[in-house]
Amino acid sequence: MINSSLAAIIGLALAIVLIIKKISPVYSLMIGALAGGFLGCGSLVGTVSEMFEGVKSITPAILRILAAGVLSGALIRSRAAESIAESIVRRLGPRFVFLSLALATMILCAVGVFVDVAVITVAPVALALASRLGLSRGKVLLALIGGGKCGNIMSPNPNTIIAAENYGAPLSSVMAAGIIPALIGLLVTVYIIVPLLPSGKARAAGIAGSAGMAGSEGTAGSEGIAGSEGIVGSEGIAGEKLPSFLASIAGPLFTIALLSLRPLFGIVIDPMIALPLGGIVTLAATRSLNITSESIEYGLSKMAPVALLLIGTGTIAGVISASDMKDVVISWLTGWNVSGMFMAPLSSILMSAATASTTAGATIASASFSDAILETGLAGLWGATLTNAGATVLDHLPHGSFFHASAGSVSMPFKERLSLIPFESLIGLTLTLTTILCAVIGNITGLC
């Protein structure tokens, strides 16, 4: 038996190595938890008990995340997500192409679509626009990723749900606290960070043909994204008429309204209820109730891997929580005169880097360090918001799925995708620093 904090670090390091070796992240985290727990307490029975406690602590969040699949599935299968994205791009036009792409992805994430699904959804629009305007593939993808990160910190997505749960803060309040940092991050992404990226040799014109993404039978035909009626044709990506923007956004707005009842009037509507209801409203507003079952199945298929990842994440979070690792980290940070306002984002930056996942990073950080951070006097609202923002700084590393999903959305080679990492990290740092500033102002003014 060795020092429990060292044992937890060894277990986490083992999990990282296994993830990098392409072993399933769920099993990698469970193996790391077993190794760390056994080395720390010398008992398999005690280790398993710690793992169970870790999973038990995040079970409510897992249920809410599965419930969120109804809204996410409804937005995708009813094509409401496409409608939202295309409406934004069409209205802003080619002059503001990067802003429109980033804004479209941000809004999709903000209303409950996973960041990787949002990027994949908007990517065909982005490539068709880039082909027409001669833009580089890297800049287009960076705009999409930046918008996704901005939307993710003010969304009812798993990372926000889990952070709010572990800090005991209302989900709607955590979402609202992310709005200002997200808007600032969006502007910094579009007008500072995207222009910093060298254009390179790869132009989107070499990727997409003159008839859009894939010709008349592919993603964007002559009447699709780059149709004659403007940047985006009214028929949408697949040549079919999309639901209206107002119908598409009705479900997410309904969900946000329900969640807002708690901080505004003290009426508690749990996200496990509000999120599925938003999905049903989306289907009704877009006249897609006939695909209710299909939408729910699709949403569940997207949320199930996240729920499994959270189970694996919960096991290692339980081992870390049972160890004195958090006390060592807090002591170390305190020695550097780092307050809870910095402990929260730093912990999630480290954990999201380890797992290359916003959700897993926010889960481990908030489950392991929330109690210690709250003891510093930081309000739960800001603890959750800062943890959420910090998880966006290094969640795009190559040992995670987002790196590969985003590269695949625009057919980008591995080496070229690697070159975006520093710029993505700048976006995450912008969101984190802006959130810290908002937290400072919030504490001074008492807006907690």
Foldseek 3Di string as FASTA:
>chain_A
DDALLVLLVQLLVQLLVCLLVVDPSLVSLLSSQQRSLCVHPVDSVRSVVLLVVLLVLCVVLLLLQLLLLLQQLLLVVLVLLQQQLLVQDQVVALVQNLLSLLQSLLVSLLLRHQLLVSLLSCLLLLLQSQLVVFFAPLLSLLSSLLSNLLNNQLHPHSLLSLLCSLLVHQSLLSNVLSNVLSVVLNCCSRPPLSVVDDRDDHGSNVQDDPQGRDEPQDQGGCQAQCHPVGRGHQCYRNSHHHAHNCLSCQLSVQLSVQSVCCVPPNDDDDSSRSSNSSSVSSCVSSVNVVCSVVSSVSSSVVSVSVSSSSSSLSSSLSSLQPGCSLVVVVVVCVVVVHALLVLLLVQLLVQLQSSLALNSSSNSSSSRHSVVNVVSVQRSSLSSSLNSLSNQQRSCDPSDDSLVSSCVSSVHDPVSSVVCNVSSNVSSVSSNVVSSVSSVVCVVVVVD
